[in-house]
PDB file of N, CA and C in Angstrom:
ATOM      1  N   MET A   1       0.839  -1.219   0.020  1.00  0.00           N
ATOM      2  CA  MET A   1       0.060   0.039   0.069  1.00  0.00           C
ATOM      3  C   MET A   1       0.836   1.208   0.043  1.00  0.00           C
ATOM      4  N   ARG A   2       0.542   2.245  -0.739  1.00  0.00           N
ATOM      5  CA  ARG A   2       1.271   3.447  -0.954  1.00  0.00           C
ATOM      6  C   ARG A   2       0.896   4.485   0.171  1.00  0.00           C
ATOM      7  N   ARG A   3       2.012   5.030   0.659  1.00  0.00           N
ATOM      8  CA  ARG A   3       1.712   6.013   1.827  1.00  0.00           C
ATOM      9  C   ARG A   3       1.412   7.214   1.099  1.00  0.00           C
ATOM     10  N   PRO A   4       0.592   8.037   1.797  1.00  0.00           N
ATOM     11  CA  PRO A   4       0.131   9.377   1.351  1.00  0.00           C
ATOM     12  C   PRO A   4       1.289  10.356   1.434  1.00  0.00           C
ATOM     13  N   ARG A   5       1.328  11.387   0.312  1.00  0.00           N
ATOM     14  CA  ARG A   5       2.331  12.306   0.450  1.00  0.00           C
ATOM     15  C   ARG A   5       1.904  13.348   1.479  1.00  0.00           C
ATOM     16  N   LEU A   6       2.754  13.575   2.315  1.00  0.00           N
ATOM     17  CA  LEU A   6       2.576  14.542   3.543  1.00  0.00           C
ATOM     18  C   LEU A   6       2.946  16.029   3.015  1.00  0.00           C
ATOM     19  N   GLU A   7       2.099  17.092   3.383  1.00  0.00           N
ATOM     20  CA  GLU A   7       2.520  18.311   3.287  1.00  0.00           C
ATOM     21  C   GLU A   7       3.855  18.764   4.055  1.00  0.00           C
ATOM     22  N   ASN A   8       4.864  19.119   3.284  1.00  0.00           N
ATOM     23  CA  ASN A   8       6.108  19.430   4.086  1.00  0.00           C
ATOM     24  C   ASN A   8       6.702  20.779   3.980  1.00  0.00           C
ATOM     25  N   SER A   9       5.823  21.828   3.528  1.00  0.00           N
ATOM     26  CA  SER A   9       6.225  23.118   3.536  1.00  0.00           C
ATOM     27  C   SER A   9       6.602  23.717   4.647  1.00  0.00           C
ATOM     28  N   LEU A  10       5.821  23.532   5.818  1.00  0.00           N
ATOM     29  CA  LEU A  10       6.221  24.074   7.136  1.00  0.00           C
ATOM     30  C   LEU A  10       7.433  23.426   7.713  1.00  0.00           C
ATOM     31  N   LEU A  11       7.636  22.115   7.471  1.00  0.00           N
ATOM     32  CA  LEU A  11       8.893  21.548   7.871  1.00  0.00           C
ATOM     33  C   LEU A  11      10.086  22.064   7.111  1.00  0.00           C
ATOM     34  N   LEU A  12      10.011  22.369   5.925  1.00  0.00           N
ATOM     35  CA  LEU A  12      11.078  22.979   5.077  1.00  0.00           C
ATOM     36  C   LEU A  12      11.433  24.455   5.536  1.00  0.00           C
ATOM     37  N   ALA A  13      10.235  25.200   5.964  1.00  0.00           N
ATOM     38  CA  ALA A  13      10.515  26.626   6.494  1.00  0.00           C
ATOM     39  C   ALA A  13      11.175  26.481   7.759  1.00  0.00           C
ATOM     40  N   ALA A  14      10.702  25.556   8.627  1.00  0.00           N
ATOM     41  CA  ALA A  14      11.171  25.444   9.968  1.00  0.00           C
ATOM     42  C   ALA A  14      12.741  24.956  10.104  1.00  0.00           C
ATOM     43  N   LYS A  15      12.970  23.791   9.302  1.00  0.00           N
ATOM     44  CA  LYS A  15      14.180  23.116   9.560  1.00  0.00           C
ATOM     45  C   LYS A  15      15.186  23.219   8.290  1.00  0.00           C
ATOM     46  N   GLY A  16      14.759  23.942   7.146  1.00  0.00           N
ATOM     47  CA  GLY A  16      15.528  23.952   6.086  1.00  0.00           C
ATOM     48  C   GLY A  16      15.519  22.587   5.427  1.00  0.00           C
ATOM     49  N   TYR A  17      16.603  22.427   4.592  1.00  0.00           N
ATOM     50  CA  TYR A  17      16.653  21.126   3.895  1.00  0.00           C
ATOM     51  C   TYR A  17      16.977  19.974   4.753  1.00  0.00           C
ATOM     52  N   GLY A  18      17.254  20.231   6.096  1.00  0.00           N
ATOM     53  CA  GLY A  18      17.503  19.160   7.023  1.00  0.00           C
ATOM     54  C   GLY A  18      16.332  18.261   7.270  1.00  0.00           C
ATOM     55  N   TRP A  19      15.100  18.739   6.964  1.00  0.00           N
ATOM     56  CA  TRP A  19      13.918  17.820   7.166  1.00  0.00           C
ATOM     57  C   TRP A  19      14.039  16.624   6.200  1.00  0.00           C
ATOM     58  N   LEU A  20      14.664  16.734   5.074  1.00  0.00           N
ATOM     59  CA  LEU A  20      14.467  15.696   3.980  1.00  0.00           C
ATOM     60  C   LEU A  20      15.383  14.584   4.463  1.00  0.00           C
ATOM     61  N   PRO A  21      16.661  14.528   4.982  1.00  0.00           N
ATOM     62  CA  PRO A  21      17.227  13.314   5.435  1.00  0.00           C
ATOM     63  C   PRO A  21      16.507  12.778   6.649  1.00  0.00           C
ATOM     64  N   ASP A  22      15.819  13.510   7.527  1.00  0.00           N
ATOM     65  CA  ASP A  22      15.010  12.928   8.496  1.00  0.00           C
ATOM     66  C   ASP A  22      13.715  12.164   8.067  1.00  0.00           C
ATOM     67  N   ALA A  23      13.175  12.723   6.915  1.00  0.00           N
ATOM     68  CA  ALA A  23      11.969  12.068   6.379  1.00  0.00           C
ATOM     69  C   ALA A  23      12.430  10.646   5.714  1.00  0.00           C
ATOM     70  N   ARG A  24      13.648  10.741   5.159  1.00  0.00           N
ATOM     71  CA  ARG A  24      14.172   9.505   4.435  1.00  0.00           C
ATOM     72  C   ARG A  24      14.452   8.401   5.495  1.00  0.00           C
ATOM     73  N   ARG A  25      15.154   8.838   6.494  1.00  0.00           N
ATOM     74  CA  ARG A  25      15.498   8.002   7.532  1.00  0.00           C
ATOM     75  C   ARG A  25      14.140   7.318   8.202  1.00  0.00           C
ATOM     76  N   ALA A  26      13.199   8.089   8.514  1.00  0.00           N
ATOM     77  CA  ALA A  26      11.983   7.669   9.134  1.00  0.00           C
ATOM     78  C   ALA A  26      11.249   6.682   8.205  1.00  0.00           C
ATOM     79  N   ARG A  27      11.430   6.741   7.003  1.00  0.00           N
ATOM     80  CA  ARG A  27      10.645   5.990   6.170  1.00  0.00           C
ATOM     81  C   ARG A  27      11.530   4.821   5.521  1.00  0.00           C
ATOM     82  N   GLY A  28      12.843   4.887   5.957  1.00  0.00           N
ATOM     83  CA  GLY A  28      13.669   3.729   5.555  1.00  0.00           C
ATOM     84  C   GLY A  28      14.139   3.630   4.121  1.00  0.00           C
ATOM     85  N   GLY A  29      14.322   4.821   3.492  1.00  0.00           N
ATOM     86  CA  GLY A  29      14.576   4.677   2.014  1.00  0.00           C
ATOM     87  C   GLY A  29      15.578   5.808   1.603  1.00  0.00           C
ATOM     88  N   ARG A  30      16.050   5.681   0.404  1.00  0.00           N
ATOM     89  CA  ARG A  30      16.862   6.706  -0.216  1.00  0.00           C
ATOM     90  C   ARG A  30      16.096   7.903  -0.835  1.00  0.00           C
ATOM     91  N   SER A  31      14.665   7.530  -1.054  1.00  0.00           N
ATOM     92  CA  SER A  31      13.934   8.608  -1.608  1.00  0.00           C
ATOM     93  C   SER A  31      12.673   8.641  -0.990  1.00  0.00           C
ATOM     94  N   VAL A  32      12.065   9.817  -0.977  1.00  0.00           N
ATOM     95  CA  VAL A  32      10.717   9.948  -0.177  1.00  0.00           C
ATOM     96  C   VAL A  32       9.910  10.786  -1.038  1.00  0.00           C
ATOM     97  N   ALA A  33       8.584  10.379  -1.082  1.00  0.00           N
ATOM     98  CA  ALA A  33       7.559  11.150  -1.767  1.00  0.00           C
ATOM     99  C   ALA A  33       6.922  12.132  -0.839  1.00  0.00           C
ATOM    100  N   VAL A  34       6.930  13.488  -1.183  1.00  0.00           N
ATOM    101  CA  VAL A  34       6.580  14.542  -0.340  1.00  0.00           C
ATOM    102  C   VAL A  34       5.538  15.400  -1.081  1.00  0.00           C
ATOM    103  N   ARG A  35       4.995  16.446  -0.496  1.00  0.00           N
ATOM    104  CA  ARG A  35       4.241  17.544  -0.939  1.00  0.00           C
ATOM    105  C   ARG A  35       4.592  18.781  -0.549  1.00  0.00           C
ATOM    106  N   LEU A  36       5.041  19.617  -1.513  1.00  0.00           N
ATOM    107  CA  LEU A  36       5.507  21.065  -1.188  1.00  0.00           C
ATOM    108  C   LEU A  36       4.443  22.020  -1.766  1.00  0.00           C
ATOM    109  N   GLY A  37       3.606  22.684  -0.826  1.00  0.00           N
ATOM    110  CA  GLY A  37       2.544  23.461  -1.362  1.00  0.00           C
ATOM    111  C   GLY A  37       1.422  22.541  -1.806  1.00  0.00           C
ATOM    112  N   THR A  38       1.021  22.793  -3.017  1.00  0.00           N
ATOM    113  CA  THR A  38       0.057  21.772  -3.662  1.00  0.00           C
ATOM    114  C   THR A  38       0.849  20.748  -4.700  1.00  0.00           C
ATOM    115  N   LEU A  39       2.160  20.723  -4.738  1.00  0.00           N
ATOM    116  CA  LEU A  39       2.833  20.054  -5.822  1.00  0.00           C
ATOM    117  C   LEU A  39       3.529  18.818  -5.109  1.00  0.00           C
ATOM    118  N   PRO A  40       3.403  17.694  -5.844  1.00  0.00           N
ATOM    119  CA  PRO A  40       3.964  16.455  -5.504  1.00  0.00           C
ATOM    120  C   PRO A  40       5.411  16.637  -5.755  1.00  0.00           C
ATOM    121  N   ALA A  41       6.351  16.120  -4.851  1.00  0.00           N
ATOM    122  CA  ALA A  41       7.842  16.161  -5.060  1.00  0.00           C
ATOM    123  C   ALA A  41       8.407  14.790  -4.722  1.00  0.00           C
ATOM    124  N   LEU A  42       9.649  14.547  -5.057  1.00  0.00           N
ATOM    125  CA  LEU A  42      10.294  13.248  -4.758  1.00  0.00           C
ATOM    126  C   LEU A  42      11.738  13.787  -4.194  1.00  0.00           C
ATOM    127  N   GLY A  43      11.992  13.575  -2.953  1.00  0.00           N
ATOM    128  CA  GLY A  43      13.283  13.853  -2.307  1.00  0.00           C
ATOM    129  C   GLY A  43      14.235  12.746  -2.444  1.00  0.00           C
ATOM    130  N   ILE A  44      15.375  12.977  -3.217  1.00  0.00           N
ATOM    131  CA  ILE A  44      16.410  11.921  -3.411  1.00  0.00           C
ATOM    132  C   ILE A  44      17.736  12.270  -2.918  1.00  0.00           C
ATOM    133  N   GLU A  45      18.623  11.291  -2.806  1.00  0.00           N
ATOM    134  CA  GLU A  45      19.933  11.653  -2.281  1.00  0.00           C
ATOM    135  C   GLU A  45      21.006  10.904  -2.892  1.00  0.00           C
ATOM    136  N   GLY A  46      22.261  11.374  -2.831  1.00  0.00           N
ATOM    137  CA  GLY A  46      23.413  10.782  -3.352  1.00  0.00           C
ATOM    138  C   GLY A  46      23.928  11.072  -4.681  1.00  0.00           C
ATOM    139  N   PRO A  47      25.129  10.723  -5.071  1.00  0.00           N
ATOM    140  CA  PRO A  47      25.733  11.106  -6.295  1.00  0.00           C
ATOM    141  C   PRO A  47      24.901  10.639  -7.545  1.00  0.00           C
ATOM    142  N   ASP A  48      24.433   9.444  -7.393  1.00  0.00           N
ATOM    143  CA  ASP A  48      23.683   8.834  -8.616  1.00  0.00           C
ATOM    144  C   ASP A  48      22.464   9.599  -8.808  1.00  0.00           C
ATOM    145  N   ALA A  49      21.775  10.005  -7.679  1.00  0.00           N
ATOM    146  CA  ALA A  49      20.491  10.812  -7.713  1.00  0.00           C
ATOM    147  C   ALA A  49      20.946  12.168  -8.361  1.00  0.00           C
ATOM    148  N   ALA A  50      21.869  12.840  -8.057  1.00  0.00           N
ATOM    149  CA  ALA A  50      22.265  14.078  -8.581  1.00  0.00           C
ATOM    150  C   ALA A  50      22.570  13.954 -10.064  1.00  0.00           C
ATOM    151  N   ARG A  51      23.246  12.857 -10.410  1.00  0.00           N
ATOM    152  CA  ARG A  51      23.565  12.770 -11.951  1.00  0.00           C
ATOM    153  C   ARG A  51      22.261  12.654 -12.613  1.00  0.00           C
ATOM    154  N   PHE A  52      21.401  11.710 -12.083  1.00  0.00           N
ATOM    155  CA  PHE A  52      20.107  11.516 -12.888  1.00  0.00           C
ATOM    156  C   PHE A  52      19.309  12.837 -12.902  1.00  0.00           C
ATOM    157  N   LEU A  53      19.279  13.629 -11.860  1.00  0.00           N
ATOM    158  CA  LEU A  53      18.513  14.859 -11.850  1.00  0.00           C
ATOM    159  C   LEU A  53      19.016  15.942 -12.837  1.00  0.00           C
ATOM    160  N   TYR A  54      20.281  15.893 -13.051  1.00  0.00           N
ATOM    161  CA  TYR A  54      20.838  16.906 -13.946  1.00  0.00           C
ATOM    162  C   TYR A  54      21.134  16.375 -15.443  1.00  0.00           C
ATOM    163  N   ASP A  55      20.701  15.152 -15.633  1.00  0.00           N
ATOM    164  CA  ASP A  55      20.839  14.664 -16.967  1.00  0.00           C
ATOM    165  C   ASP A  55      19.439  14.924 -17.720  1.00  0.00           C
ATOM    166  N   GLU A  56      19.604  15.745 -18.758  1.00  0.00           N
ATOM    167  CA  GLU A  56      18.397  16.190 -19.475  1.00  0.00           C
ATOM    168  C   GLU A  56      17.796  15.043 -20.232  1.00  0.00           C
ATOM    169  N   ARG A  57      18.462  14.006 -20.456  1.00  0.00           N
ATOM    170  CA  ARG A  57      17.896  12.758 -20.996  1.00  0.00           C
ATOM    171  C   ARG A  57      16.752  12.130 -20.204  1.00  0.00           C
ATOM    172  N   HIS A  58      16.819  12.298 -18.749  1.00  0.00           N
ATOM    173  CA  HIS A  58      15.882  11.836 -17.764  1.00  0.00           C
ATOM    174  C   HIS A  58      14.842  12.675 -17.287  1.00  0.00           C
ATOM    175  N   VAL A  59      15.223  13.980 -17.089  1.00  0.00           N
ATOM    176  CA  VAL A  59      14.416  14.954 -16.446  1.00  0.00           C
ATOM    177  C   VAL A  59      14.267  16.144 -17.233  1.00  0.00           C
ATOM    178  N   HIS A  60      13.027  16.574 -17.576  1.00  0.00           N
ATOM    179  CA  HIS A  60      12.652  17.780 -18.212  1.00  0.00           C
ATOM    180  C   HIS A  60      12.436  18.901 -17.244  1.00  0.00           C
ATOM    181  N   ARG A  61      13.149  19.964 -17.156  1.00  0.00           N
ATOM    182  CA  ARG A  61      13.064  20.954 -16.153  1.00  0.00           C
ATOM    183  C   ARG A  61      12.433  22.224 -16.882  1.00  0.00           C
ATOM    184  N   SER A  62      11.419  22.799 -16.088  1.00  0.00           N
ATOM    185  CA  SER A  62      10.758  23.859 -16.595  1.00  0.00           C
ATOM    186  C   SER A  62      10.316  24.723 -15.346  1.00  0.00           C
ATOM    187  N   HIS A  63      10.940  25.900 -15.287  1.00  0.00           N
ATOM    188  CA  HIS A  63      10.667  26.841 -14.136  1.00  0.00           C
ATOM    189  C   HIS A  63      11.296  26.345 -12.853  1.00  0.00           C
ATOM    190  N   ALA A  64      12.399  25.572 -13.022  1.00  0.00           N
ATOM    191  CA  ALA A  64      13.082  24.917 -11.773  1.00  0.00           C
ATOM    192  C   ALA A  64      14.152  25.657 -11.283  1.00  0.00           C
ATOM    193  N   ILE A  65      14.545  25.423  -9.970  1.00  0.00           N
ATOM    194  CA  ILE A  65      15.737  26.128  -9.399  1.00  0.00           C
ATOM    195  C   ILE A  65      16.600  24.979  -8.996  1.00  0.00           C
ATOM    196  N   PRO A  66      17.826  24.948  -9.340  1.00  0.00           N
ATOM    197  CA  PRO A  66      18.564  26.048 -10.236  1.00  0.00           C
ATOM    198  C   PRO A  66      18.185  25.841 -11.601  1.00  0.00           C
ATOM    199  N   GLU A  67      18.315  26.960 -12.424  1.00  0.00           N
ATOM    200  CA  GLU A  67      17.933  26.785 -13.985  1.00  0.00           C
ATOM    201  C   GLU A  67      18.954  25.734 -14.533  1.00  0.00           C
TER     202      GLU A  67
END
């Protein structure tokens, strides 16, 4: 059964990006599905995740930070 995505905007505002490793540890994985505002997001970590994220063959970025 899939866990619901929790709203994490307040945690992000309160703890900065430190909330993401805490969420991953709590759920026991290297990635975690979250919600920021009304948008679903996926928190990932590690060198492989960074390479995947910045490889335009895998991810189309529109209005993203950083550009």
